[in-house]
PDB file of N, CA and C in Angstrom:
ATOM      1  N   UNK A   1     -65.002  42.708  53.346  1.00  0.00           N
ATOM      2  CA  UNK A   1     -64.979  44.152  53.267  1.00  0.00           C
ATOM      3  C   UNK A   1     -63.600  44.500  52.717  1.00  0.00           C
ATOM      4  N   UNK A   2     -62.528  44.002  53.149  1.00  0.00           N
ATOM      5  CA  UNK A   2     -61.283  44.209  52.432  1.00  0.00           C
ATOM      6  C   UNK A   2     -61.311  43.936  50.929  1.00  0.00           C
ATOM      7  N   UNK A   3     -61.813  42.713  50.608  1.00  0.00           N
ATOM      8  CA  UNK A   3     -61.917  42.332  49.273  1.00  0.00           C
ATOM      9  C   UNK A   3     -62.740  43.179  48.488  1.00  0.00           C
ATOM     10  N   UNK A   4     -63.824  43.827  48.922  1.00  0.00           N
ATOM     11  CA  UNK A   4     -64.611  44.848  48.240  1.00  0.00           C
ATOM     12  C   UNK A   4     -63.802  46.139  47.898  1.00  0.00           C
ATOM     13  N   UNK A   5     -62.867  46.607  48.836  1.00  0.00           N
ATOM     14  CA  UNK A   5     -62.067  47.674  48.581  1.00  0.00           C
ATOM     15  C   UNK A   5     -61.069  47.406  47.613  1.00  0.00           C
ATOM     16  N   UNK A   6     -60.459  46.107  47.545  1.00  0.00           N
ATOM     17  CA  UNK A   6     -59.555  46.005  46.352  1.00  0.00           C
ATOM     18  C   UNK A   6     -60.247  45.524  45.138  1.00  0.00           C
ATOM     19  N   UNK A   7     -61.365  45.002  45.115  1.00  0.00           N
ATOM     20  CA  UNK A   7     -62.033  44.605  43.868  1.00  0.00           C
ATOM     21  C   UNK A   7     -62.646  45.667  43.276  1.00  0.00           C
ATOM     22  N   UNK A   8     -63.345  46.661  44.014  1.00  0.00           N
ATOM     23  CA  UNK A   8     -64.265  47.768  43.648  1.00  0.00           C
ATOM     24  C   UNK A   8     -65.217  47.487  42.387  1.00  0.00           C
ATOM     25  N   UNK A   9     -66.026  46.434  42.751  1.00  0.00           N
ATOM     26  CA  UNK A   9     -66.970  45.970  41.725  1.00  0.00           C
ATOM     27  C   UNK A   9     -66.469  45.631  40.520  1.00  0.00           C
ATOM     28  N   UNK A  10     -65.337  45.051  40.385  1.00  0.00           N
ATOM     29  CA  UNK A  10     -64.647  44.452  39.107  1.00  0.00           C
ATOM     30  C   UNK A  10     -63.646  45.438  38.518  1.00  0.00           C
ATOM     31  N   UNK A  11     -63.670  46.783  38.967  1.00  0.00           N
ATOM     32  CA  UNK A  11     -62.884  47.749  38.520  1.00  0.00           C
ATOM     33  C   UNK A  11     -61.400  48.000  39.297  1.00  0.00           C
ATOM     34  N   UNK A  12     -61.330  47.240  40.215  1.00  0.00           N
ATOM     35  CA  UNK A  12     -60.210  47.342  41.134  1.00  0.00           C
ATOM     36  C   UNK A  12     -58.834  47.205  40.451  1.00  0.00           C
ATOM     37  N   UNK A  13     -58.655  46.313  39.536  1.00  0.00           N
ATOM     38  CA  UNK A  13     -57.512  46.072  38.868  1.00  0.00           C
ATOM     39  C   UNK A  13     -57.123  47.141  38.090  1.00  0.00           C
ATOM     40  N   UNK A  14     -57.966  47.992  37.525  1.00  0.00           N
ATOM     41  CA  UNK A  14     -57.531  49.242  36.610  1.00  0.00           C
ATOM     42  C   UNK A  14     -57.388  50.295  37.646  1.00  0.00           C
ATOM     43  N   UNK A  15     -58.134  50.502  38.733  1.00  0.00           N
ATOM     44  CA  UNK A  15     -57.844  51.499  39.615  1.00  0.00           C
ATOM     45  C   UNK A  15     -56.495  51.440  40.331  1.00  0.00           C
ATOM     46  N   UNK A  16     -56.339  50.261  40.831  1.00  0.00           N
ATOM     47  CA  UNK A  16     -55.032  50.065  41.577  1.00  0.00           C
ATOM     48  C   UNK A  16     -53.722  50.168  40.620  1.00  0.00           C
ATOM     49  N   UNK A  17     -54.030  49.466  39.408  1.00  0.00           N
ATOM     50  CA  UNK A  17     -53.061  49.527  38.492  1.00  0.00           C
ATOM     51  C   UNK A  17     -52.570  51.075  38.046  1.00  0.00           C
ATOM     52  N   UNK A  18     -53.698  51.831  37.950  1.00  0.00           N
ATOM     53  CA  UNK A  18     -53.325  53.309  37.558  1.00  0.00           C
ATOM     54  C   UNK A  18     -52.792  54.114  38.842  1.00  0.00           C
ATOM     55  N   UNK A  19     -53.154  53.802  40.084  1.00  0.00           N
ATOM     56  CA  UNK A  19     -52.298  54.397  41.187  1.00  0.00           C
ATOM     57  C   UNK A  19     -50.981  53.925  41.319  1.00  0.00           C
ATOM     58  N   UNK A  20     -50.595  52.689  41.098  1.00  0.00           N
ATOM     59  CA  UNK A  20     -49.284  52.287  40.995  1.00  0.00           C
ATOM     60  C   UNK A  20     -48.447  52.815  39.987  1.00  0.00           C
ATOM     61  N   UNK A  21     -48.999  53.060  38.892  1.00  0.00           N
ATOM     62  CA  UNK A  21     -48.375  53.555  37.703  1.00  0.00           C
ATOM     63  C   UNK A  21     -48.213  55.072  38.000  1.00  0.00           C
ATOM     64  N   UNK A  22     -49.050  55.726  38.713  1.00  0.00           N
ATOM     65  CA  UNK A  22     -48.894  57.325  39.058  1.00  0.00           C
ATOM     66  C   UNK A  22     -47.689  57.219  39.861  1.00  0.00           C
ATOM     67  N   UNK A  23     -47.690  56.656  40.972  1.00  0.00           N
ATOM     68  CA  UNK A  23     -46.891  56.605  42.080  1.00  0.00           C
ATOM     69  C   UNK A  23     -45.423  56.160  41.398  1.00  0.00           C
ATOM     70  N   UNK A  24     -45.345  55.392  40.541  1.00  0.00           N
ATOM     71  CA  UNK A  24     -43.974  54.909  39.973  1.00  0.00           C
ATOM     72  C   UNK A  24     -43.389  56.218  38.964  1.00  0.00           C
ATOM     73  N   UNK A  25     -44.458  56.823  38.441  1.00  0.00           N
ATOM     74  CA  UNK A  25     -44.041  58.034  37.541  1.00  0.00           C
ATOM     75  C   UNK A  25     -43.553  59.156  38.436  1.00  0.00           C
ATOM     76  N   UNK A  26     -44.243  59.406  39.552  1.00  0.00           N
ATOM     77  CA  UNK A  26     -43.921  60.418  40.410  1.00  0.00           C
ATOM     78  C   UNK A  26     -42.586  60.176  41.018  1.00  0.00           C
ATOM     79  N   UNK A  27     -42.261  58.955  41.467  1.00  0.00           N
ATOM     80  CA  UNK A  27     -40.911  58.746  41.975  1.00  0.00           C
ATOM     81  C   UNK A  27     -39.786  58.735  41.059  1.00  0.00           C
ATOM     82  N   UNK A  28     -40.094  58.316  39.691  1.00  0.00           N
ATOM     83  CA  UNK A  28     -39.141  58.513  38.668  1.00  0.00           C
ATOM     84  C   UNK A  28     -38.928  60.044  38.353  1.00  0.00           C
ATOM     85  N   UNK A  29     -39.886  60.720  38.480  1.00  0.00           N
ATOM     86  CA  UNK A  29     -39.784  62.305  38.097  1.00  0.00           C
ATOM     87  C   UNK A  29     -39.024  62.799  39.134  1.00  0.00           C
ATOM     88  N   UNK A  30     -39.292  62.473  40.520  1.00  0.00           N
ATOM     89  CA  UNK A  30     -38.512  63.076  41.717  1.00  0.00           C
ATOM     90  C   UNK A  30     -37.007  62.840  41.524  1.00  0.00           C
ATOM     91  N   UNK A  31     -36.721  61.620  41.048  1.00  0.00           N
ATOM     92  CA  UNK A  31     -35.395  61.203  40.979  1.00  0.00           C
ATOM     93  C   UNK A  31     -34.679  62.035  39.721  1.00  0.00           C
ATOM     94  N   UNK A  32     -35.416  62.046  38.620  1.00  0.00           N
ATOM     95  CA  UNK A  32     -34.863  62.788  37.560  1.00  0.00           C
ATOM     96  C   UNK A  32     -34.638  64.328  37.842  1.00  0.00           C
ATOM     97  N   UNK A  33     -35.473  64.901  38.659  1.00  0.00           N
ATOM     98  CA  UNK A  33     -35.429  66.362  38.863  1.00  0.00           C
ATOM     99  C   UNK A  33     -34.293  66.585  39.808  1.00  0.00           C
ATOM    100  N   UNK A  34     -34.101  65.529  40.866  1.00  0.00           N
ATOM    101  CA  UNK A  34     -33.034  65.613  41.721  1.00  0.00           C
ATOM    102  C   UNK A  34     -31.717  65.551  41.058  1.00  0.00           C
ATOM    103  N   UNK A  35     -31.727  64.493  40.158  1.00  0.00           N
ATOM    104  CA  UNK A  35     -30.286  64.412  39.378  1.00  0.00           C
ATOM    105  C   UNK A  35     -30.125  65.711  38.565  1.00  0.00           C
ATOM    106  N   UNK A  36     -30.995  66.329  37.859  1.00  0.00           N
ATOM    107  CA  UNK A  36     -30.796  67.414  37.097  1.00  0.00           C
ATOM    108  C   UNK A  36     -30.362  68.572  38.170  1.00  0.00           C
ATOM    109  N   UNK A  37     -30.961  68.740  39.134  1.00  0.00           N
ATOM    110  CA  UNK A  37     -30.576  69.712  40.145  1.00  0.00           C
ATOM    111  C   UNK A  37     -29.142  69.690  40.586  1.00  0.00           C
ATOM    112  N   UNK A  38     -28.719  68.476  40.836  1.00  0.00           N
ATOM    113  CA  UNK A  38     -27.288  68.233  41.150  1.00  0.00           C
ATOM    114  C   UNK A  38     -26.400  68.818  39.983  1.00  0.00           C
ATOM    115  N   UNK A  39     -26.711  68.281  38.746  1.00  0.00           N
ATOM    116  CA  UNK A  39     -26.010  68.792  37.569  1.00  0.00           C
ATOM    117  C   UNK A  39     -25.810  70.324  37.483  1.00  0.00           C
ATOM    118  N   UNK A  40     -26.934  70.955  37.792  1.00  0.00           N
ATOM    119  CA  UNK A  40     -27.034  72.397  37.795  1.00  0.00           C
ATOM    120  C   UNK A  40     -26.292  72.974  38.741  1.00  0.00           C
ATOM    121  N   UNK A  41     -26.340  72.326  39.920  1.00  0.00           N
ATOM    122  CA  UNK A  41     -25.561  72.991  41.014  1.00  0.00           C
ATOM    123  C   UNK A  41     -24.018  72.720  40.851  1.00  0.00           C
ATOM    124  N   UNK A  42     -23.684  71.714  40.041  1.00  0.00           N
ATOM    125  CA  UNK A  42     -22.168  71.626  39.799  1.00  0.00           C
ATOM    126  C   UNK A  42     -21.734  72.654  38.667  1.00  0.00           C
ATOM    127  N   UNK A  43     -22.752  72.870  37.776  1.00  0.00           N
ATOM    128  CA  UNK A  43     -22.244  73.907  36.656  1.00  0.00           C
ATOM    129  C   UNK A  43     -22.056  75.250  37.329  1.00  0.00           C
ATOM    130  N   UNK A  44     -23.050  75.487  38.309  1.00  0.00           N
ATOM    131  CA  UNK A  44     -23.067  76.824  39.096  1.00  0.00           C
ATOM    132  C   UNK A  44     -21.761  76.921  39.960  1.00  0.00           C
ATOM    133  N   UNK A  45     -21.510  75.984  40.500  1.00  0.00           N
ATOM    134  CA  UNK A  45     -20.166  75.851  41.254  1.00  0.00           C
ATOM    135  C   UNK A  45     -18.981  76.172  40.575  1.00  0.00           C
ATOM    136  N   UNK A  46     -18.966  75.417  39.314  1.00  0.00           N
ATOM    137  CA  UNK A  46     -17.820  75.718  38.546  1.00  0.00           C
ATOM    138  C   UNK A  46     -17.679  77.101  37.929  1.00  0.00           C
ATOM    139  N   UNK A  47     -18.726  77.799  37.709  1.00  0.00           N
ATOM    140  CA  UNK A  47     -18.758  78.986  37.041  1.00  0.00           C
ATOM    141  C   UNK A  47     -18.734  80.127  38.203  1.00  0.00           C
ATOM    142  N   UNK A  48     -19.120  79.923  39.408  1.00  0.00           N
ATOM    143  CA  UNK A  48     -19.212  81.116  40.408  1.00  0.00           C
ATOM    144  C   UNK A  48     -18.216  80.846  41.553  1.00  0.00           C
ATOM    145  N   UNK A  49     -17.624  79.733  41.658  1.00  0.00           N
ATOM    146  CA  UNK A  49     -16.847  79.476  42.954  1.00  0.00           C
ATOM    147  C   UNK A  49     -15.608  80.293  43.034  1.00  0.00           C
ATOM    148  N   UNK A  50     -14.932  80.481  41.983  1.00  0.00           N
ATOM    149  CA  UNK A  50     -13.505  81.319  42.050  1.00  0.00           C
ATOM    150  C   UNK A  50     -13.797  82.718  41.384  1.00  0.00           C
ATOM    151  N   UNK A  51     -14.522  83.355  42.132  1.00  0.00           N
ATOM    152  CA  UNK A  51     -14.765  84.746  41.630  1.00  0.00           C
ATOM    153  C   UNK A  51     -13.751  85.882  42.276  1.00  0.00           C
ATOM    154  N   UNK A  52     -13.340  86.828  41.500  1.00  0.00           N
ATOM    155  CA  UNK A  52     -12.632  87.919  41.958  1.00  0.00           C
ATOM    156  C   UNK A  52     -13.359  88.751  42.804  1.00  0.00           C
ATOM    157  N   UNK A  53     -12.912  89.622  43.588  1.00  0.00           N
ATOM    158  CA  UNK A  53     -13.497  90.568  44.383  1.00  0.00           C
ATOM    159  C   UNK A  53     -14.557  91.466  43.589  1.00  0.00           C
ATOM    160  N   UNK A  54     -13.940  91.871  42.512  1.00  0.00           N
ATOM    161  CA  UNK A  54     -14.770  92.825  41.534  1.00  0.00           C
ATOM    162  C   UNK A  54     -16.020  92.077  40.894  1.00  0.00           C
ATOM    163  N   UNK A  55     -15.852  90.946  40.569  1.00  0.00           N
ATOM    164  CA  UNK A  55     -16.943  90.151  40.027  1.00  0.00           C
ATOM    165  C   UNK A  55     -17.863  89.865  41.076  1.00  0.00           C
ATOM    166  N   UNK A  56     -17.499  89.565  42.345  1.00  0.00           N
ATOM    167  CA  UNK A  56     -18.452  89.417  43.433  1.00  0.00           C
ATOM    168  C   UNK A  56     -19.241  90.568  43.777  1.00  0.00           C
ATOM    169  N   UNK A  57     -18.698  91.780  43.743  1.00  0.00           N
ATOM    170  CA  UNK A  57     -19.437  92.962  43.986  1.00  0.00           C
ATOM    171  C   UNK A  57     -20.401  93.450  42.862  1.00  0.00           C
ATOM    172  N   UNK A  58     -20.007  92.943  41.777  1.00  0.00           N
ATOM    173  CA  UNK A  58     -20.901  93.201  40.602  1.00  0.00           C
ATOM    174  C   UNK A  58     -22.310  92.135  40.710  1.00  0.00           C
ATOM    175  N   UNK A  59     -21.940  90.871  41.215  1.00  0.00           N
ATOM    176  CA  UNK A  59     -23.119  90.076  41.555  1.00  0.00           C
ATOM    177  C   UNK A  59     -23.892  90.378  42.786  1.00  0.00           C
ATOM    178  N   UNK A  60     -23.346  90.979  43.607  1.00  0.00           N
ATOM    179  CA  UNK A  60     -24.144  91.482  44.753  1.00  0.00           C
ATOM    180  C   UNK A  60     -25.161  92.499  44.333  1.00  0.00           C
ATOM    181  N   UNK A  61     -24.953  93.077  43.351  1.00  0.00           N
ATOM    182  CA  UNK A  61     -25.843  94.288  42.756  1.00  0.00           C
ATOM    183  C   UNK A  61     -26.984  93.657  41.893  1.00  0.00           C
ATOM    184  N   UNK A  62     -26.743  92.297  41.438  1.00  0.00           N
ATOM    185  CA  UNK A  62     -27.851  91.706  40.543  1.00  0.00           C
ATOM    186  C   UNK A  62     -28.685  90.826  41.424  1.00  0.00           C
ATOM    187  N   UNK A  63     -29.929  91.186  41.623  1.00  0.00           N
ATOM    188  CA  UNK A  63     -30.814  90.509  42.535  1.00  0.00           C
ATOM    189  C   UNK A  63     -31.009  88.973  42.311  1.00  0.00           C
ATOM    190  N   UNK A  64     -31.020  88.624  41.022  1.00  0.00           N
ATOM    191  CA  UNK A  64     -31.238  87.191  40.458  1.00  0.00           C
ATOM    192  C   UNK A  64     -29.957  86.319  41.137  1.00  0.00           C
ATOM    193  N   UNK A  65     -28.896  86.790  40.953  1.00  0.00           N
ATOM    194  CA  UNK A  65     -27.686  85.979  41.343  1.00  0.00           C
ATOM    195  C   UNK A  65     -27.641  86.040  42.967  1.00  0.00           C
ATOM    196  N   UNK A  66     -27.839  87.226  43.589  1.00  0.00           N
ATOM    197  CA  UNK A  66     -28.093  87.291  44.985  1.00  0.00           C
ATOM    198  C   UNK A  66     -28.927  86.181  45.552  1.00  0.00           C
ATOM    199  N   UNK A  67     -30.068  86.004  45.035  1.00  0.00           N
ATOM    200  CA  UNK A  67     -31.176  84.937  45.464  1.00  0.00           C
ATOM    201  C   UNK A  67     -30.512  83.510  45.325  1.00  0.00           C
ATOM    202  N   UNK A  68     -29.933  83.399  44.158  1.00  0.00           N
ATOM    203  CA  UNK A  68     -29.504  82.130  43.723  1.00  0.00           C
ATOM    204  C   UNK A  68     -28.255  81.856  44.775  1.00  0.00           C
ATOM    205  N   UNK A  69     -27.337  82.600  44.830  1.00  0.00           N
ATOM    206  CA  UNK A  69     -26.212  82.630  45.971  1.00  0.00           C
ATOM    207  C   UNK A  69     -26.768  82.295  47.373  1.00  0.00           C
ATOM    208  N   UNK A  70     -27.792  82.888  47.537  1.00  0.00           N
ATOM    209  CA  UNK A  70     -28.148  82.743  49.005  1.00  0.00           C
ATOM    210  C   UNK A  70     -28.616  81.269  49.460  1.00  0.00           C
ATOM    211  N   UNK A  71     -29.024  80.536  48.448  1.00  0.00           N
ATOM    212  CA  UNK A  71     -29.338  79.166  48.852  1.00  0.00           C
ATOM    213  C   UNK A  71     -28.275  78.110  48.456  1.00  0.00           C
ATOM    214  N   UNK A  72     -26.946  78.609  48.190  1.00  0.00           N
ATOM    215  CA  UNK A  72     -25.899  77.592  47.943  1.00  0.00           C
ATOM    216  C   UNK A  72     -24.956  77.589  49.261  1.00  0.00           C
ATOM    217  N   UNK A  73     -24.281  76.578  49.217  1.00  0.00           N
ATOM    218  CA  UNK A  73     -23.467  76.474  50.529  1.00  0.00           C
ATOM    219  C   UNK A  73     -21.917  76.948  49.996  1.00  0.00           C
ATOM    220  N   UNK A  74     -21.910  77.361  48.896  1.00  0.00           N
ATOM    221  CA  UNK A  74     -20.441  77.766  48.452  1.00  0.00           C
ATOM    222  C   UNK A  74     -20.365  79.210  48.378  1.00  0.00           C
ATOM    223  N   UNK A  75     -21.398  80.025  48.782  1.00  0.00           N
ATOM    224  CA  UNK A  75     -21.590  81.431  48.531  1.00  0.00           C
ATOM    225  C   UNK A  75     -20.388  82.319  49.126  1.00  0.00           C
ATOM    226  N   UNK A  76     -19.884  83.209  48.396  1.00  0.00           N
ATOM    227  CA  UNK A  76     -18.989  84.102  49.133  1.00  0.00           C
ATOM    228  C   UNK A  76     -19.579  85.341  49.424  1.00  0.00           C
ATOM    229  N   UNK A  77     -20.816  85.629  48.904  1.00  0.00           N
ATOM    230  CA  UNK A  77     -21.470  86.834  48.935  1.00  0.00           C
ATOM    231  C   UNK A  77     -22.269  86.839  50.480  1.00  0.00           C
TER     232      UNK A  77
END
């Protein structure tokens, strides 16, 4: 019974290899995106961490920045 699942009438090698390849690609993509997110967060922190009061007030009025700053742990807004 188990052998039939793994062999799949002779196509098991191709099916399981494609599953493994897909999982490896997804895992690699996950780590690549995670690394890119960290880099972008660092850029964001460098650019917006030391804002003056006037700059902070200007950013509060801009919805895009307000949404971005709401999800960061360095937010002053």
